[in-house]
Protein backbone atom coordinates (compact mmCIF):
# COMPACT_ATOMS: atom_id res chain seq x y z
CA MET A 1 -10.79 -26.18 2.22
CA LYS A 2 -12.16 -24.55 -0.85
CA ALA A 3 -11.19 -20.85 -1.38
CA LYS A 4 -13.97 -18.21 -0.95
CA LYS A 5 -14.20 -15.93 -3.98
CA SER A 6 -16.00 -13.35 -1.71
CA LEU A 7 -12.81 -12.93 0.41
CA GLY A 8 -10.40 -12.96 -2.63
CA GLN A 9 -8.76 -16.08 -1.37
CA ASN A 10 -5.85 -17.53 -3.51
CA PHE A 11 -3.59 -19.67 -1.16
CA LEU A 12 0.13 -19.56 -1.80
CA VAL A 13 1.39 -23.06 -2.12
CA ASP A 14 4.96 -22.62 -3.51
CA ILE A 15 7.26 -22.86 -0.38
CA GLY A 16 10.08 -21.34 -2.39
CA VAL A 17 8.25 -18.20 -3.01
CA ALA A 18 7.09 -18.20 0.55
CA HIS A 19 10.63 -18.16 1.75
CA ARG A 20 11.57 -15.34 -0.75
CA ILE A 21 8.62 -13.16 0.57
CA VAL A 22 9.71 -13.54 4.23
CA ASP A 23 13.33 -13.07 3.46
CA ALA A 24 12.28 -9.76 1.80
CA MET A 25 11.46 -8.09 5.14
CA TYR A 26 14.86 -9.34 6.74
CA PRO A 27 13.27 -11.03 9.80
CA SER A 28 15.17 -11.09 12.99
CA HIS A 29 14.61 -12.60 16.41
CA ASN A 30 13.80 -9.24 17.92
CA ASP A 31 11.22 -8.50 15.41
CA THR A 32 7.41 -7.85 16.05
CA VAL A 33 5.58 -8.90 12.89
CA VAL A 34 1.84 -8.50 11.85
CA GLU A 35 0.78 -10.81 9.11
CA ILE A 36 -2.42 -9.95 7.07
CA GLY A 37 -4.38 -12.90 5.64
CA PRO A 38 -2.23 -15.70 6.70
CA GLY A 39 -4.83 -18.23 5.11
CA LYS A 40 -3.46 -21.72 5.69
CA GLY A 41 -0.44 -20.50 7.31
CA VAL A 42 2.30 -20.96 4.64
CA LEU A 43 4.20 -17.71 5.50
CA THR A 44 3.16 -18.02 9.08
CA LYS A 45 5.05 -21.15 9.52
CA ILE A 46 8.24 -19.71 8.31
CA ILE A 47 7.96 -16.27 10.08
CA ALA A 48 7.11 -18.01 13.41
CA ASP A 49 10.60 -19.64 13.59
CA LYS A 50 12.30 -16.20 12.86
CA VAL A 51 10.80 -13.59 15.02
CA LYS A 52 10.02 -12.60 18.73
CA SER A 53 6.23 -11.86 18.13
CA LEU A 54 3.91 -12.77 15.36
CA ILE A 55 0.33 -11.38 15.15
CA CYS A 56 -1.85 -12.87 12.42
CA ILE A 57 -5.03 -11.08 11.38
CA GLU A 58 -7.38 -13.55 9.48
CA MET A 59 -10.97 -12.62 8.55
CA ASP A 60 -12.11 -16.12 7.64
CA ASP A 61 -13.59 -17.89 10.62
CA ILE A 62 -12.73 -21.33 9.90
CA LEU A 63 -9.20 -20.48 8.74
CA SER A 64 -8.62 -18.47 11.93
CA GLU A 65 -9.75 -21.58 13.98
CA ARG A 66 -7.43 -23.79 12.19
CA LEU A 67 -4.50 -21.47 12.63
CA HIS A 68 -5.36 -21.18 16.34
CA SER A 69 -4.96 -24.97 16.59
CA LYS A 70 -1.99 -25.22 14.29
CA PHE A 71 -0.02 -22.69 16.22
CA ASN A 72 -1.37 -23.20 19.68
CA SER A 73 1.90 -24.54 20.81
CA LYS A 74 3.83 -21.34 19.97
CA PRO A 75 2.91 -18.61 22.53
CA HIS A 76 4.64 -15.92 20.72
CA VAL A 77 2.07 -16.41 17.78
CA THR A 78 -1.27 -14.63 18.22
CA VAL A 79 -4.17 -15.27 15.73
CA VAL A 80 -6.88 -12.62 15.51
CA ASN A 81 -10.20 -13.37 13.76
CA ASP A 82 -10.97 -9.94 12.48
CA ASP A 83 -10.79 -7.72 9.26
CA ALA A 84 -7.47 -6.08 8.77
CA LEU A 85 -9.33 -2.93 7.60
CA ASN A 86 -10.95 -2.58 11.02
CA PHE A 87 -8.78 -4.17 13.65
CA ASN A 88 -6.55 -1.86 15.81
CA ILE A 89 -3.17 -3.50 16.18
CA ASN A 90 -2.53 -1.12 19.11
CA GLN A 91 -4.63 -3.53 21.11
CA LEU A 92 -1.79 -5.84 20.93
CA ILE A 93 1.35 -3.77 20.00
CA LYS A 94 2.34 -0.89 22.35
CA PRO A 95 2.20 2.48 20.28
CA ASP A 96 6.05 2.84 20.78
CA THR A 97 6.86 -0.65 19.50
CA ASN A 98 8.41 -1.05 16.06
CA TYR A 99 6.87 -3.68 13.86
CA LYS A 100 6.85 -5.14 10.28
CA LEU A 101 3.87 -5.89 8.18
CA ILE A 102 3.69 -8.71 5.71
CA GLY A 103 0.99 -10.57 3.68
CA ASN A 104 -0.22 -12.15 0.61
CA LEU A 105 -2.95 -9.75 0.19
CA PRO A 106 -6.35 -10.30 -1.30
CA TYR A 107 -6.49 -8.45 -4.63
CA ASN A 108 -9.75 -6.78 -3.93
CA VAL A 109 -8.58 -4.88 -0.73
CA ALA A 110 -4.78 -4.86 -1.14
CA SER A 111 -4.69 -1.10 -1.78
CA PRO A 112 -7.11 -0.16 1.01
CA ILE A 113 -5.00 -2.25 3.55
CA ILE A 114 -1.60 -0.66 2.47
CA ARG A 115 -3.34 2.71 2.71
CA ARG A 116 -4.50 2.20 6.26
CA TYR A 117 -1.21 1.16 7.53
CA ILE A 118 0.87 3.79 5.80
CA THR A 119 -1.55 6.50 7.10
CA TRP A 120 -1.72 5.39 10.51
CA ASN A 121 0.09 7.04 13.39
CA HIS A 122 1.64 3.84 14.34
CA LYS A 123 3.08 3.04 10.97
CA PRO A 124 5.17 -0.31 10.49
CA ASN A 125 8.88 0.07 9.70
CA VAL A 126 8.43 -1.86 6.53
CA ILE A 127 5.60 -3.63 4.55
CA VAL A 128 6.24 -6.50 2.18
CA ALA A 129 3.14 -7.41 0.19
CA MET A 130 2.12 -9.71 -2.58
CA LEU A 131 -0.61 -8.03 -4.75
CA GLN A 132 -1.88 -8.21 -8.24
CA LYS A 133 0.89 -7.26 -10.77
CA GLU A 134 -1.19 -4.42 -12.41
CA VAL A 135 -1.69 -2.83 -9.15
CA ALA A 136 2.01 -3.16 -8.08
CA ASP A 137 2.98 -1.72 -11.44
CA LEU A 138 0.74 1.35 -10.86
CA ILE A 139 2.04 1.78 -7.15
CA THR A 140 5.76 1.66 -8.29
CA ALA A 141 5.16 3.52 -11.69
CA GLN A 142 7.61 6.25 -12.75
CA PRO A 143 6.80 9.68 -14.55
CA GLY A 144 5.08 8.72 -17.99
CA LYS A 145 3.03 5.98 -16.39
CA MET A 146 1.95 7.38 -13.10
CA GLY A 147 -1.60 7.40 -11.80
CA TYR A 148 -3.16 8.73 -8.57
CA LEU A 149 -2.10 5.65 -6.64
CA SER A 150 1.46 6.07 -7.60
CA VAL A 151 1.46 9.60 -6.23
CA GLU A 152 -0.43 8.78 -3.14
CA PHE A 153 1.77 5.92 -1.97
CA GLN A 154 5.14 7.34 -3.30
CA THR A 155 4.59 10.52 -1.31
CA LYS A 156 4.26 8.40 1.94
CA CYS A 157 6.83 5.48 1.31
CA LEU A 158 10.04 4.37 -0.37
CA ILE A 159 8.77 1.67 -2.44
CA GLN A 160 10.64 -1.14 -4.33
CA LYS A 161 9.34 -3.76 -6.67
CA LEU A 162 10.88 -7.12 -5.70
CA PHE A 163 9.71 -9.80 -7.87
CA THR A 164 6.93 -11.34 -9.97
CA VAL A 165 5.32 -14.83 -9.92
CA GLY A 166 2.88 -16.54 -12.09
CA PRO A 167 -0.52 -18.00 -11.18
CA THR A 168 1.01 -21.51 -10.61
CA VAL A 169 2.29 -20.71 -7.09
CA PHE A 170 -1.36 -20.33 -5.87
CA SER A 171 -4.38 -22.52 -5.35
CA PRO A 172 -6.78 -21.82 -6.85
CA LYS A 173 -4.79 -20.30 -9.67
CA PRO A 174 -5.71 -16.56 -10.25
CA LYS A 175 -6.03 -15.29 -13.82
CA VAL A 176 -3.31 -12.76 -13.44
CA ASN A 177 0.30 -12.55 -12.31
CA SER A 178 1.28 -11.25 -8.84
CA THR A 179 4.22 -9.00 -7.62
CA VAL A 180 5.95 -8.62 -4.40
CA ILE A 181 6.82 -5.11 -3.28
CA SER A 182 8.28 -3.49 -0.23
CA LEU A 183 7.31 -0.18 1.22
CA LYS A 184 9.12 1.68 3.91
CA PRO A 185 6.89 4.53 5.40
CA HIS A 186 8.40 7.96 5.95
CA ASN A 187 7.16 11.21 7.44
CA GLU A 188 7.40 13.77 4.50
CA LEU A 189 6.35 17.19 5.78
CA SER A 190 6.19 18.90 2.26
CA THR A 191 2.71 17.37 1.51
CA ASP A 192 0.93 18.05 4.86
CA GLN A 193 2.66 21.22 5.88
CA TYR A 194 -0.58 23.18 5.10
CA PRO A 195 -3.30 21.40 7.06
CA GLU A 196 -6.01 23.54 5.58
CA SER A 197 -5.12 22.40 2.08
CA ASP A 198 -5.36 18.60 1.13
CA PHE A 199 -2.45 17.63 -1.17
CA LEU A 200 -4.11 14.43 -2.38
CA ALA A 201 -7.31 16.33 -3.11
CA MET A 202 -5.17 18.38 -5.37
CA VAL A 203 -3.82 15.23 -7.03
CA ARG A 204 -7.24 13.79 -7.47
CA ALA A 205 -8.28 16.85 -9.38
CA GLY A 206 -5.10 16.55 -11.43
CA PHE A 207 -6.06 12.98 -12.30
CA SER A 208 -9.69 13.60 -12.89
CA ALA A 209 -9.47 13.00 -16.67
CA PRO A 210 -6.08 11.23 -17.13
CA ARG A 211 -6.33 11.16 -20.91
CA LYS A 212 -6.68 15.09 -21.00
CA GLN A 213 -4.12 17.75 -20.49
CA ILE A 214 -3.27 18.80 -17.12
CA HIS A 215 -4.85 22.23 -17.36
CA ASN A 216 -8.12 20.75 -18.57
CA CYS A 217 -8.10 18.30 -15.67
CA PHE A 218 -7.91 21.10 -13.07
CA GLY A 219 -10.36 23.18 -15.24
CA ASN A 220 -12.94 20.37 -15.14
CA ALA A 221 -12.46 19.34 -11.42
CA THR A 222 -12.30 22.78 -9.93
CA ASP A 223 -13.72 26.29 -10.03
CA LEU A 224 -10.34 27.83 -10.83
CA SER A 225 -10.00 30.09 -13.69
CA LYS A 226 -7.83 29.15 -16.63
CA VAL A 227 -5.51 32.11 -15.95
CA LYS A 228 -4.87 30.88 -12.30
CA ILE A 229 -4.31 27.18 -13.41
CA GLU A 230 -2.07 28.30 -16.21
CA SER A 231 -0.28 30.58 -13.89
CA ALA A 232 0.46 27.90 -11.32
CA LEU A 233 1.44 25.33 -13.76
CA GLY A 234 3.80 27.84 -15.47
CA THR A 235 5.25 28.88 -12.02
CA ALA A 236 5.95 25.12 -11.32
CA GLY A 237 7.67 24.60 -14.65
CA ILE A 238 5.05 22.27 -15.82
CA ASP A 239 3.78 22.37 -19.43
CA SER A 240 0.19 22.95 -19.31
CA LYS A 241 -0.39 20.56 -22.16
CA SER A 242 1.26 17.59 -20.39
CA ARG A 243 -0.85 14.70 -19.37
CA PRO A 244 -0.91 14.11 -15.49
CA GLN A 245 0.91 10.93 -15.80
CA VAL A 246 4.13 12.50 -16.83
CA LEU A 247 4.43 14.55 -13.68
CA SER A 248 6.88 13.48 -11.06
CA ILE A 249 6.31 13.42 -7.25
CA ALA A 250 8.56 16.62 -7.09
CA ASP A 251 6.13 18.26 -9.64
CA TRP A 252 3.07 17.55 -7.65
CA LYS A 253 4.60 18.80 -4.48
CA LYS A 254 5.89 22.04 -6.01
CA LEU A 255 2.38 22.56 -7.54
CA TYR A 256 0.79 22.10 -4.21
CA MET A 257 3.02 24.75 -2.72
CA ILE A 258 2.47 27.17 -5.48
CA PHE A 259 -1.35 26.70 -5.47
CA TYR A 260 -1.25 27.50 -1.73
CA GLU A 261 0.87 30.49 -1.98
CA MET A 262 -1.61 31.73 -4.53
CA GLY A 263 -4.49 31.20 -1.98
CA VAL A 264 -5.89 28.20 -3.65
CA LYS A 265 -6.81 25.39 -1.13
CA PHE A 266 -8.01 21.96 -1.86
């Protein structure tokens, strides 16, 4: 079957890499697992022999039908023909059931898929995902190279970069390298303790012009006075001439609290 560019399909064909991805989520026979974009079932076949329940969400109609046929003899494997960005897994998993999420994610929707699951009330215990290396690098970046995506995901998860592979492990071969990461969602109260002020809206303002100094970013993206911006940054111990990329997660959280205490809401 020819891959569909519109769905961002690059099929994993290296069995060794497939085993490394599955092993990264430490599967057990008591696990419930959701696989996003199983494609031709390379990961699926390995996972199915290691877990209690496996739910595969495949958007491609033809691939979904083939997966149904391939795993029809395994009653603990459920194939859902739907979009992972729309499907509600609570239809198949009770809200109090722990589960793991895994997938060789299409490059064009990898971030939205991860975002959906780490912000859901029924979060997975762990996510193991293969995605474009450039995106993985940004998600896992440290101060000095951080971007909005880094802050967004790292405030919600403990993230680890696992390993990188080249184009040859896929068919068709993509033009870029891919990286497998793990994300363990947590419930950090410090970024949503003020419901009337949006932490990520503040971060977006801070990254509104990444090449500019942080005080100019806030000045361009908000109606705040220069005095108020300088005061908040100073109280947080942040050099107003810094670029937003150098701020740590702790810096952003501190700035969020200080702005709120000053009466500034985002």
